Amino acid sequence: MEGIGIILAIDWFLDRLRTTVNVYGDDCGAAVIDTMVIQKQAAVE
């Protein structure tokens, strides 16, 4: 039972790191798409 508590504590922290990396990657992807759309709109005008 003690081992389960340690695993859950470590998994909680690792889950926060995975979520942070995921959100950062989504943010970078959205920034790239936004830049591409702005450049395409500028080329059309």
Protein backbone atom coordinates (compact mmCIF):
# COMPACT_ATOMS: atom_id res chain seq x y z
CA MET A 1 0.00 0.00 0.00
CA GLU A 2 2.88 2.39 0.68
CA GLY A 3 4.20 1.86 -2.83
CA ILE A 4 0.89 2.90 -4.35
CA GLY A 5 1.04 6.25 -2.55
CA ILE A 6 4.53 6.92 -3.87
CA ILE A 7 3.54 5.96 -7.42
CA LEU A 8 0.48 8.22 -7.28
CA ALA A 9 2.53 11.14 -5.98
CA ILE A 10 5.12 10.75 -8.73
CA ASP A 11 2.47 10.21 -11.42
CA TRP A 12 0.67 13.37 -10.31
CA PHE A 13 3.83 15.41 -10.86
CA LEU A 14 4.67 13.72 -14.17
CA ASP A 15 1.11 14.28 -15.38
CA ARG A 16 1.52 18.01 -14.74
CA LEU A 17 4.73 18.01 -16.80
CA ARG A 18 3.07 16.12 -19.66
CA THR A 19 0.15 18.55 -19.63
CA THR A 20 2.50 21.54 -19.67
CA VAL A 21 4.38 20.18 -22.67
CA ASN A 22 1.11 19.42 -24.46
CA VAL A 23 -0.29 22.92 -23.89
CA TYR A 24 3.00 24.51 -24.99
CA GLY A 25 2.99 22.44 -28.19
CA ASP A 26 -0.61 23.39 -28.93
CA ASP A 27 0.25 27.04 -28.35
CA CYS A 28 3.21 26.87 -30.75
CA GLY A 29 1.07 25.17 -33.39
CA ALA A 30 -1.63 27.82 -33.05
CA ALA A 31 0.98 30.59 -33.38
CA VAL A 32 2.35 29.04 -36.57
CA ILE A 33 -1.12 28.71 -38.10
CA ASP A 34 -1.98 32.29 -37.08
CA THR A 35 1.19 33.60 -38.71
CA MET A 36 0.48 31.66 -41.90
CA VAL A 37 -3.09 32.99 -42.08
CA ILE A 38 -1.93 36.60 -41.56
CA GLN A 39 0.72 36.22 -44.27
CA LYS A 40 -1.80 34.72 -46.68
CA GLN A 41 -4.28 37.53 -46.00
CA ALA A 42 -1.55 40.13 -46.61
CA ALA A 43 -0.68 38.50 -49.94
CA VAL A 44 -4.31 38.56 -51.06
CA GLU A 45 -4.78 42.24 -50.24
